[in-house]
Each structure stands twice: as structure tokens, then as C-alpha cells.
């Protein structure tokens, strides 16, 4: 169903991607890589972990609060794009709890960062970082964007008889 909707928008000359959770989680992972992997006592048992042991606990944000506040402020003020691209290049292919390398290219990352305002990313990342287990699901299916207008739309697609799950409603309302 999502592919059909993308075809309709493509015919209208509006590019889009079927992204669901991988878009926002990947961007979060790139923007906050150093925070996620910061040397919090007890968070890592070996250097090959995909994420810290406290990732799904309230202590995850609490133990990194100052780092998140500083980063989210920088993102909200649009002082973040180059750092995310640099992280992409430095960390490409490394196993991570958030970034899905198989669909993300540098070119696509640059396109996405050109149309999503920093304030939007900061709001999503702030919410996500407060309760990753709860908020890592439910993002809209499609991401449509207009590079010329520097704008984007999020679309949730439902087939006949399908309905929104609670986490989808929560993200759409947010």
C-alpha cells in the first residue's frame, strides 16, 4: 500500500521514501552517537555493544542529561548538520542500535537534513531520548519532501480494515 501511495506522489513530482521508524531512529543515532556511546559507568561490558546496557532504562537520559540538553539546543539552532554528516562518514557500517546503514547514503542524508528544520529534529530527539523503549515505534510510514521548498510531510498509510496503533496516534499527535 505504501508503494502505491509513493507512486501517486511521484507522479505529482513529489519525491518520497517509505521510512517508518528507520528515518528518525537513524537521524537520532547520528546526531547523538557520542552521547549514546559516552563512557557512563556500567553502560558497556565490551567494545562491540550496539548500545549501552541502560538504553531502555530511565537512567539512560538521566545520566546523560547535560549532554542531551547541550546537543538538543545546538540541533534546534541548526548547528548540527555538518556534525551529523561527519559522524555518518566516520561511523559508516558500524553496528549500532539506531542507524540503519542499508538504506541511508550520504546524498540522502544531505537531502533529508536540508528539509527538516533543526527545531523539529530536536523535538523528536528530546522525546525519543526520554523513553526509547516507548517512543522508538509508531513513526509515520512515508516521508515526502520538496527540496526546492525545503519542506516535508509525514504520512501514515492504512489499508482497508487497518487502524492506527496507540504508538502511531501518539507520534501523529505529537
N, C-alpha and C. Protein backbone atom coordinates (compact mmCIF):
# COMPACT_ATOMS: atom_id res chain seq x y z
N UNK A 1 0.83 -1.18 0.00
CA UNK A 1 0.00 0.00 0.00
C UNK A 1 0.88 1.25 0.00
N UNK A 2 1.94 1.23 0.80
CA UNK A 2 2.84 2.39 0.88
C UNK A 2 3.48 2.68 -0.48
N UNK A 3 3.87 1.63 -1.21
CA UNK A 3 4.48 1.81 -2.53
C UNK A 3 3.51 2.46 -3.50
N UNK A 4 2.25 2.09 -3.43
CA UNK A 4 1.24 2.69 -4.30
C UNK A 4 1.07 4.18 -4.00
N UNK A 5 1.05 4.51 -2.73
CA UNK A 5 0.91 5.92 -2.35
C UNK A 5 2.13 6.72 -2.82
N UNK A 6 3.32 6.14 -2.67
CA UNK A 6 4.53 6.82 -3.16
C UNK A 6 4.47 7.03 -4.67
N UNK A 7 3.93 6.07 -5.41
CA UNK A 7 3.79 6.22 -6.86
C UNK A 7 2.88 7.40 -7.21
N UNK A 8 1.80 7.55 -6.47
CA UNK A 8 0.87 8.66 -6.72
C UNK A 8 1.60 9.99 -6.51
N UNK A 9 2.34 10.10 -5.42
CA UNK A 9 3.06 11.35 -5.16
C UNK A 9 4.20 11.57 -6.15
N UNK A 10 4.87 10.50 -6.56
CA UNK A 10 5.93 10.63 -7.56
C UNK A 10 5.37 11.15 -8.87
N UNK A 11 4.17 10.71 -9.24
CA UNK A 11 3.52 11.20 -10.46
C UNK A 11 3.21 12.69 -10.35
N UNK A 12 3.08 13.18 -9.14
CA UNK A 12 2.85 14.62 -8.89
C UNK A 12 4.17 15.37 -8.70
N UNK A 13 5.25 14.68 -8.98
CA UNK A 13 6.60 15.26 -8.87
C UNK A 13 6.97 15.61 -7.43
N UNK A 14 6.52 14.80 -6.50
CA UNK A 14 6.90 14.98 -5.10
C UNK A 14 7.57 13.70 -4.62
N UNK A 15 8.90 13.73 -4.49
CA UNK A 15 9.62 12.52 -4.08
C UNK A 15 9.30 12.14 -2.64
N UNK A 16 9.45 10.86 -2.37
CA UNK A 16 9.19 10.39 -1.03
C UNK A 16 9.88 9.07 -0.77
N UNK A 17 9.86 8.69 0.49
CA UNK A 17 10.50 7.46 0.95
C UNK A 17 9.57 6.74 1.90
N UNK A 18 9.62 5.41 1.85
CA UNK A 18 8.93 4.58 2.84
C UNK A 18 9.94 4.37 3.97
N UNK A 19 9.74 5.05 5.08
CA UNK A 19 10.78 5.08 6.12
C UNK A 19 10.37 4.49 7.47
N UNK A 20 9.11 4.61 7.82
CA UNK A 20 8.63 4.20 9.14
C UNK A 20 9.62 4.65 10.22
N UNK A 21 10.05 3.75 11.08
CA UNK A 21 10.88 4.13 12.23
C UNK A 21 12.34 4.38 11.86
N UNK A 22 12.81 3.81 10.77
CA UNK A 22 14.24 3.86 10.49
C UNK A 22 14.76 5.27 10.20
N UNK A 23 13.94 6.15 9.66
CA UNK A 23 14.40 7.51 9.39
C UNK A 23 14.77 8.23 10.68
N UNK A 24 13.81 8.34 11.58
CA UNK A 24 14.01 9.13 12.79
C UNK A 24 15.02 8.49 13.73
N UNK A 25 15.00 7.16 13.81
CA UNK A 25 15.97 6.49 14.66
C UNK A 25 17.39 6.64 14.10
N UNK A 26 17.54 6.55 12.79
CA UNK A 26 18.86 6.72 12.19
C UNK A 26 19.38 8.14 12.40
N UNK A 27 18.53 9.13 12.21
CA UNK A 27 18.96 10.51 12.43
C UNK A 27 19.33 10.74 13.89
N UNK A 28 18.54 10.18 14.79
CA UNK A 28 18.85 10.28 16.23
C UNK A 28 20.22 9.64 16.51
N UNK A 29 20.43 8.46 15.96
CA UNK A 29 21.70 7.77 16.19
C UNK A 29 22.89 8.57 15.69
N UNK A 30 22.75 9.20 14.54
CA UNK A 30 23.85 10.00 14.00
C UNK A 30 24.06 11.28 14.81
N UNK A 31 22.98 11.94 15.16
CA UNK A 31 23.08 13.20 15.89
C UNK A 31 23.61 13.02 17.31
N UNK A 32 23.33 11.86 17.90
CA UNK A 32 23.67 11.65 19.31
C UNK A 32 24.62 10.49 19.53
N UNK A 33 25.35 10.08 18.50
CA UNK A 33 26.23 8.92 18.59
C UNK A 33 27.16 9.01 19.80
N UNK A 34 27.84 10.13 19.94
CA UNK A 34 28.80 10.28 21.03
C UNK A 34 28.14 10.28 22.40
N UNK A 35 26.90 10.74 22.47
CA UNK A 35 26.17 10.74 23.73
C UNK A 35 25.73 9.31 24.07
N UNK A 36 25.19 8.62 23.07
CA UNK A 36 24.74 7.24 23.27
C UNK A 36 25.90 6.37 23.75
N UNK A 37 27.07 6.59 23.15
CA UNK A 37 28.24 5.78 23.48
C UNK A 37 29.18 6.46 24.48
N UNK A 38 28.66 7.44 25.20
CA UNK A 38 29.50 8.11 26.20
C UNK A 38 29.86 7.10 27.31
N UNK A 39 31.03 7.28 27.92
CA UNK A 39 31.52 6.30 28.91
C UNK A 39 30.83 6.41 30.27
N UNK A 40 29.55 6.10 30.29
CA UNK A 40 28.79 6.09 31.55
C UNK A 40 29.16 4.83 32.32
N UNK A 41 29.49 4.94 33.60
CA UNK A 41 29.86 3.75 34.38
C UNK A 41 28.80 2.65 34.30
N UNK A 42 29.23 1.45 33.97
CA UNK A 42 28.35 0.29 33.90
C UNK A 42 27.55 0.15 32.62
N UNK A 43 27.68 1.08 31.69
CA UNK A 43 26.87 1.05 30.47
C UNK A 43 27.44 0.09 29.41
N UNK A 44 28.72 -0.21 29.51
CA UNK A 44 29.35 -1.06 28.49
C UNK A 44 30.18 -2.16 29.15
N UNK A 45 30.01 -3.37 28.64
CA UNK A 45 30.78 -4.50 29.14
C UNK A 45 31.90 -4.89 28.18
N UNK A 46 31.73 -4.54 26.91
CA UNK A 46 32.76 -4.84 25.91
C UNK A 46 32.64 -3.83 24.77
N UNK A 47 33.67 -3.66 23.96
CA UNK A 47 33.68 -2.61 22.93
C UNK A 47 32.82 -2.91 21.71
N UNK A 48 32.13 -4.04 21.66
CA UNK A 48 31.35 -4.40 20.48
C UNK A 48 29.84 -4.30 20.69
N UNK A 49 29.42 -3.66 21.76
CA UNK A 49 28.00 -3.49 22.03
C UNK A 49 27.39 -2.53 21.02
N UNK A 50 26.16 -2.80 20.63
CA UNK A 50 25.44 -1.93 19.70
C UNK A 50 24.86 -0.72 20.41
N UNK A 51 24.86 -0.74 21.72
CA UNK A 51 24.34 0.36 22.51
C UNK A 51 24.59 0.09 23.98
N UNK A 52 24.37 1.10 24.82
CA UNK A 52 24.63 0.93 26.25
C UNK A 52 23.60 0.02 26.91
N UNK A 53 23.99 -0.60 28.01
CA UNK A 53 23.11 -1.51 28.73
C UNK A 53 21.89 -0.78 29.32
N UNK A 54 22.01 0.51 29.57
CA UNK A 54 20.89 1.26 30.16
C UNK A 54 20.00 1.93 29.11
N UNK A 55 20.14 1.54 27.86
CA UNK A 55 19.43 2.20 26.76
C UNK A 55 17.92 2.29 26.99
N UNK A 56 17.32 1.26 27.56
CA UNK A 56 15.87 1.25 27.75
C UNK A 56 15.45 1.53 29.19
N UNK A 57 16.32 2.13 29.93
CA UNK A 57 16.02 2.47 31.32
C UNK A 57 15.91 4.00 31.47
N UNK A 58 15.19 4.45 32.48
CA UNK A 58 15.12 5.90 32.72
C UNK A 58 16.50 6.53 32.95
N UNK A 59 17.42 5.74 33.46
CA UNK A 59 18.76 6.26 33.74
C UNK A 59 19.51 6.66 32.46
N UNK A 60 19.10 6.13 31.30
CA UNK A 60 19.78 6.47 30.05
C UNK A 60 19.82 7.99 29.86
N UNK A 61 18.69 8.63 29.87
CA UNK A 61 18.64 10.09 29.69
C UNK A 61 19.19 10.79 30.93
N UNK A 62 18.83 10.31 32.10
CA UNK A 62 19.25 10.97 33.34
C UNK A 62 20.77 11.07 33.46
N UNK A 63 21.48 10.00 33.13
CA UNK A 63 22.94 10.00 33.27
C UNK A 63 23.63 10.81 32.18
N UNK A 64 22.89 11.19 31.16
CA UNK A 64 23.46 11.95 30.04
C UNK A 64 22.73 13.27 29.85
N UNK A 65 22.01 13.69 30.85
CA UNK A 65 21.12 14.86 30.74
C UNK A 65 21.85 16.10 30.21
N UNK A 66 22.96 16.46 30.81
CA UNK A 66 23.67 17.68 30.38
C UNK A 66 24.11 17.57 28.92
N UNK A 67 24.57 16.39 28.52
CA UNK A 67 24.98 16.19 27.13
C UNK A 67 23.80 16.33 26.17
N UNK A 68 22.65 15.76 26.55
CA UNK A 68 21.47 15.88 25.70
C UNK A 68 20.97 17.32 25.62
N UNK A 69 20.94 18.01 26.73
CA UNK A 69 20.47 19.40 26.72
C UNK A 69 21.33 20.24 25.78
N UNK A 70 22.63 20.10 25.90
CA UNK A 70 23.54 20.87 25.04
C UNK A 70 23.35 20.50 23.56
N UNK A 71 23.27 19.22 23.26
CA UNK A 71 23.13 18.77 21.87
C UNK A 71 21.79 19.20 21.27
N UNK A 72 20.72 19.03 22.03
CA UNK A 72 19.40 19.40 21.52
C UNK A 72 19.30 20.89 21.27
N UNK A 73 19.94 21.67 22.09
CA UNK A 73 19.97 23.12 21.86
C UNK A 73 20.71 23.44 20.55
N UNK A 74 21.84 22.80 20.34
CA UNK A 74 22.59 23.01 19.10
C UNK A 74 21.78 22.58 17.88
N UNK A 75 21.11 21.45 17.98
CA UNK A 75 20.28 20.97 16.87
C UNK A 75 19.14 21.95 16.60
N UNK A 76 18.48 22.39 17.65
CA UNK A 76 17.36 23.33 17.49
C UNK A 76 17.80 24.63 16.82
N UNK A 77 19.05 25.01 17.03
CA UNK A 77 19.58 26.24 16.43
C UNK A 77 20.27 25.97 15.10
N UNK A 78 20.03 24.79 14.55
CA UNK A 78 20.59 24.40 13.24
C UNK A 78 22.11 24.39 13.22
N UNK A 79 22.73 24.09 14.35
CA UNK A 79 24.18 23.91 14.41
C UNK A 79 24.48 22.43 14.57
N UNK A 80 24.15 21.62 13.53
CA UNK A 80 24.24 20.18 13.72
C UNK A 80 24.46 19.42 12.42
N UNK A 81 24.13 20.01 11.31
CA UNK A 81 24.16 19.28 10.03
C UNK A 81 25.53 18.71 9.70
N UNK A 82 26.54 19.53 9.73
CA UNK A 82 27.89 19.07 9.36
C UNK A 82 28.38 17.97 10.31
N UNK A 83 28.06 18.10 11.58
CA UNK A 83 28.49 17.08 12.55
C UNK A 83 27.82 15.74 12.26
N UNK A 84 26.56 15.76 11.84
CA UNK A 84 25.87 14.51 11.51
C UNK A 84 26.48 13.86 10.27
N UNK A 85 26.83 14.66 9.29
CA UNK A 85 27.46 14.12 8.08
C UNK A 85 28.84 13.57 8.42
N UNK A 86 29.56 14.26 9.27
CA UNK A 86 30.87 13.78 9.70
C UNK A 86 30.75 12.45 10.45
N UNK A 87 29.76 12.35 11.34
CA UNK A 87 29.53 11.10 12.06
C UNK A 87 29.18 9.98 11.08
N UNK A 88 28.35 10.29 10.10
CA UNK A 88 27.99 9.31 9.08
C UNK A 88 29.26 8.76 8.42
N UNK A 89 30.15 9.64 8.04
CA UNK A 89 31.36 9.20 7.34
C UNK A 89 32.31 8.43 8.26
N UNK A 90 32.44 8.85 9.50
CA UNK A 90 33.35 8.20 10.43
C UNK A 90 32.83 6.84 10.92
N UNK A 91 31.53 6.71 11.07
CA UNK A 91 30.96 5.52 11.70
C UNK A 91 30.28 4.58 10.70
N UNK A 92 30.26 4.92 9.44
CA UNK A 92 29.52 4.15 8.45
C UNK A 92 29.77 2.65 8.58
N UNK A 93 28.70 1.90 8.71
CA UNK A 93 28.76 0.44 8.75
C UNK A 93 28.96 -0.15 10.13
N UNK A 94 29.24 0.66 11.13
CA UNK A 94 29.44 0.14 12.49
C UNK A 94 28.08 -0.22 13.09
N UNK A 95 27.98 -1.41 13.66
CA UNK A 95 26.72 -1.86 14.26
C UNK A 95 26.30 -0.89 15.36
N UNK A 96 25.03 -0.54 15.32
CA UNK A 96 24.50 0.48 16.22
C UNK A 96 23.03 0.18 16.47
N UNK A 97 22.53 0.54 17.62
CA UNK A 97 21.14 0.28 17.98
C UNK A 97 20.14 1.14 17.21
N UNK A 98 20.61 2.17 16.51
CA UNK A 98 19.69 3.11 15.86
C UNK A 98 19.88 3.23 14.34
N UNK A 99 21.08 3.41 13.88
CA UNK A 99 21.32 3.73 12.47
C UNK A 99 21.16 2.50 11.60
N UNK A 100 20.35 2.62 10.56
CA UNK A 100 20.13 1.55 9.59
C UNK A 100 20.90 1.92 8.32
N UNK A 101 22.10 1.43 8.23
CA UNK A 101 23.01 1.80 7.15
C UNK A 101 22.53 1.34 5.77
N UNK A 102 21.76 0.26 5.72
CA UNK A 102 21.41 -0.34 4.44
C UNK A 102 20.58 0.57 3.54
N UNK A 103 19.95 1.59 4.07
CA UNK A 103 19.12 2.46 3.24
C UNK A 103 19.63 3.90 3.18
N UNK A 104 20.57 4.24 4.05
CA UNK A 104 20.99 5.62 4.17
C UNK A 104 22.32 5.86 3.45
N UNK A 105 22.31 6.79 2.52
CA UNK A 105 23.53 7.21 1.84
C UNK A 105 23.85 8.63 2.27
N UNK A 106 25.06 9.05 2.00
CA UNK A 106 25.43 10.43 2.34
C UNK A 106 24.55 11.42 1.58
N UNK A 107 24.29 11.14 0.31
CA UNK A 107 23.47 12.04 -0.50
C UNK A 107 22.06 12.15 0.07
N UNK A 108 21.48 11.02 0.45
CA UNK A 108 20.14 11.05 1.03
C UNK A 108 20.17 11.79 2.36
N UNK A 109 21.16 11.55 3.18
CA UNK A 109 21.28 12.26 4.45
C UNK A 109 21.32 13.76 4.23
N UNK A 110 22.11 14.21 3.27
CA UNK A 110 22.19 15.64 2.98
C UNK A 110 20.83 16.19 2.53
N UNK A 111 20.11 15.42 1.70
CA UNK A 111 18.78 15.86 1.26
C UNK A 111 17.82 15.97 2.44
N UNK A 112 17.84 14.99 3.31
CA UNK A 112 16.96 14.99 4.48
C UNK A 112 17.27 16.17 5.40
N UNK A 113 18.55 16.39 5.65
CA UNK A 113 18.94 17.47 6.56
C UNK A 113 18.64 18.84 5.98
N UNK A 114 18.52 18.93 4.67
CA UNK A 114 18.21 20.21 4.03
C UNK A 114 16.73 20.59 4.18
N UNK A 115 15.87 19.60 4.44
CA UNK A 115 14.43 19.91 4.50
C UNK A 115 13.83 19.80 5.90
N UNK A 116 14.53 19.19 6.85
CA UNK A 116 13.98 19.06 8.20
C UNK A 116 14.59 20.14 9.08
N UNK A 117 13.78 21.06 9.59
CA UNK A 117 14.32 22.10 10.48
C UNK A 117 14.92 21.48 11.75
N UNK A 118 15.95 22.11 12.24
CA UNK A 118 16.59 21.63 13.45
C UNK A 118 15.64 21.56 14.63
N UNK A 119 14.72 22.51 14.71
CA UNK A 119 13.76 22.51 15.82
C UNK A 119 12.89 21.25 15.80
N UNK A 120 12.55 20.76 14.61
CA UNK A 120 11.76 19.53 14.51
C UNK A 120 12.57 18.33 14.98
N UNK A 121 13.81 18.25 14.52
CA UNK A 121 14.66 17.15 14.95
C UNK A 121 14.88 17.18 16.46
N UNK A 122 15.15 18.35 16.99
CA UNK A 122 15.39 18.46 18.44
C UNK A 122 14.17 18.00 19.23
N UNK A 123 12.97 18.34 18.77
CA UNK A 123 11.75 17.93 19.48
C UNK A 123 11.59 16.41 19.44
N UNK A 124 11.82 15.80 18.27
CA UNK A 124 11.70 14.35 18.15
C UNK A 124 12.76 13.66 19.00
N UNK A 125 14.00 14.14 18.92
CA UNK A 125 15.10 13.52 19.66
C UNK A 125 14.92 13.67 21.17
N UNK A 126 14.39 14.80 21.59
CA UNK A 126 14.15 15.01 23.02
C UNK A 126 13.15 13.98 23.54
N UNK A 127 12.05 13.84 22.84
CA UNK A 127 11.03 12.87 23.25
C UNK A 127 11.58 11.45 23.22
N UNK A 128 12.24 11.10 22.14
CA UNK A 128 12.78 9.76 21.99
C UNK A 128 13.78 9.42 23.10
N UNK A 129 14.65 10.36 23.41
CA UNK A 129 15.70 10.10 24.40
C UNK A 129 15.15 9.94 25.82
N UNK A 130 13.97 10.41 26.06
CA UNK A 130 13.37 10.31 27.40
C UNK A 130 12.81 8.93 27.71
N UNK A 131 12.43 8.18 26.65
CA UNK A 131 11.91 6.83 26.86
C UNK A 131 12.01 6.07 25.54
N UNK A 132 13.20 5.58 25.25
CA UNK A 132 13.46 4.95 23.96
C UNK A 132 12.58 3.73 23.74
N UNK A 133 12.38 2.93 24.73
CA UNK A 133 11.54 1.73 24.57
C UNK A 133 10.13 2.13 24.13
N UNK A 134 9.60 3.17 24.72
CA UNK A 134 8.23 3.59 24.43
C UNK A 134 8.10 4.30 23.09
N UNK A 135 9.07 5.14 22.76
CA UNK A 135 8.92 6.03 21.61
C UNK A 135 9.65 5.59 20.35
N UNK A 136 10.32 4.45 20.34
CA UNK A 136 11.07 4.05 19.15
C UNK A 136 10.17 3.48 18.06
N UNK A 137 8.91 3.30 18.32
CA UNK A 137 7.95 2.77 17.34
C UNK A 137 6.83 3.78 17.10
N UNK A 138 6.18 3.61 15.95
CA UNK A 138 4.98 4.39 15.68
C UNK A 138 5.17 5.60 14.78
N UNK A 139 6.37 5.81 14.26
CA UNK A 139 6.59 6.93 13.36
C UNK A 139 5.80 6.72 12.07
N UNK A 140 5.38 7.78 11.40
CA UNK A 140 4.63 7.64 10.15
C UNK A 140 5.41 6.87 9.08
N UNK A 141 4.66 6.23 8.20
CA UNK A 141 5.23 5.37 7.16
C UNK A 141 6.05 6.11 6.12
N UNK A 142 5.52 7.23 5.64
CA UNK A 142 6.12 7.90 4.49
C UNK A 142 6.69 9.27 4.86
N UNK A 143 7.76 9.59 4.18
CA UNK A 143 8.40 10.91 4.31
C UNK A 143 8.44 11.48 2.90
N UNK A 144 7.61 12.50 2.64
CA UNK A 144 7.61 13.19 1.36
C UNK A 144 8.36 14.50 1.53
N UNK A 145 9.13 14.87 0.53
CA UNK A 145 9.89 16.11 0.69
C UNK A 145 9.98 16.89 -0.60
N UNK A 146 10.15 18.19 -0.43
CA UNK A 146 10.27 19.10 -1.55
C UNK A 146 11.57 19.88 -1.35
N UNK A 147 12.65 19.48 -2.04
CA UNK A 147 13.94 20.15 -1.86
C UNK A 147 13.90 21.64 -2.20
N UNK A 148 13.11 22.01 -3.18
CA UNK A 148 13.03 23.43 -3.56
C UNK A 148 12.37 24.28 -2.48
N UNK A 149 11.30 23.76 -1.91
CA UNK A 149 10.58 24.49 -0.86
C UNK A 149 11.19 24.27 0.53
N UNK A 150 12.14 23.33 0.61
CA UNK A 150 12.73 22.95 1.89
C UNK A 150 11.65 22.60 2.91
N UNK A 151 10.80 21.68 2.46
CA UNK A 151 9.69 21.26 3.32
C UNK A 151 9.52 19.74 3.22
N UNK A 152 8.75 19.21 4.16
CA UNK A 152 8.47 17.78 4.15
C UNK A 152 7.09 17.52 4.73
N UNK A 153 6.59 16.33 4.46
CA UNK A 153 5.33 15.86 5.01
C UNK A 153 5.52 14.45 5.52
N UNK A 154 4.80 14.12 6.57
CA UNK A 154 4.78 12.76 7.09
C UNK A 154 3.39 12.19 6.85
N UNK A 155 3.35 10.95 6.35
CA UNK A 155 2.06 10.34 6.03
C UNK A 155 2.02 8.92 6.61
N UNK A 156 0.96 8.64 7.30
CA UNK A 156 0.70 7.28 7.78
C UNK A 156 -0.29 6.66 6.81
N UNK A 157 0.03 5.48 6.31
CA UNK A 157 -0.80 4.81 5.32
C UNK A 157 -1.50 3.63 5.97
N UNK A 158 -2.80 3.53 5.73
CA UNK A 158 -3.58 2.41 6.24
C UNK A 158 -4.40 1.82 5.11
N UNK A 159 -4.39 0.50 5.04
CA UNK A 159 -5.20 -0.21 4.07
C UNK A 159 -6.60 -0.43 4.63
N UNK A 160 -7.48 -1.01 3.81
CA UNK A 160 -8.84 -1.29 4.28
C UNK A 160 -8.82 -2.16 5.54
N UNK A 161 -9.59 -1.74 6.53
CA UNK A 161 -9.71 -2.51 7.76
C UNK A 161 -8.58 -2.29 8.75
N UNK A 162 -7.56 -1.55 8.35
CA UNK A 162 -6.42 -1.28 9.23
C UNK A 162 -6.73 -0.05 10.07
N UNK A 163 -6.13 0.04 11.24
CA UNK A 163 -6.34 1.21 12.09
C UNK A 163 -5.04 1.60 12.79
N UNK A 164 -5.01 2.83 13.28
CA UNK A 164 -3.83 3.31 13.97
C UNK A 164 -3.61 2.55 15.27
N UNK A 165 -2.35 2.22 15.52
CA UNK A 165 -1.96 1.65 16.81
C UNK A 165 -1.74 2.82 17.77
N UNK A 166 -1.81 2.59 19.07
CA UNK A 166 -1.65 3.68 20.04
C UNK A 166 -0.35 4.47 19.85
N UNK A 167 0.78 3.77 19.60
CA UNK A 167 2.04 4.50 19.44
C UNK A 167 2.05 5.35 18.17
N UNK A 168 1.31 4.93 17.14
CA UNK A 168 1.20 5.75 15.93
C UNK A 168 0.40 7.01 16.19
N UNK A 169 -0.72 6.85 16.90
CA UNK A 169 -1.53 8.01 17.26
C UNK A 169 -0.73 8.99 18.11
N UNK A 170 0.06 8.45 19.03
CA UNK A 170 0.85 9.30 19.91
C UNK A 170 1.85 10.14 19.12
N UNK A 171 2.56 9.54 18.16
CA UNK A 171 3.51 10.31 17.35
C UNK A 171 2.80 11.30 16.44
N UNK A 172 1.70 10.90 15.84
CA UNK A 172 0.96 11.83 14.97
C UNK A 172 0.45 13.03 15.76
N UNK A 173 -0.04 12.78 16.97
CA UNK A 173 -0.50 13.89 17.81
C UNK A 173 0.65 14.78 18.23
N UNK A 174 1.79 14.16 18.53
CA UNK A 174 2.96 14.93 18.95
C UNK A 174 3.40 15.86 17.82
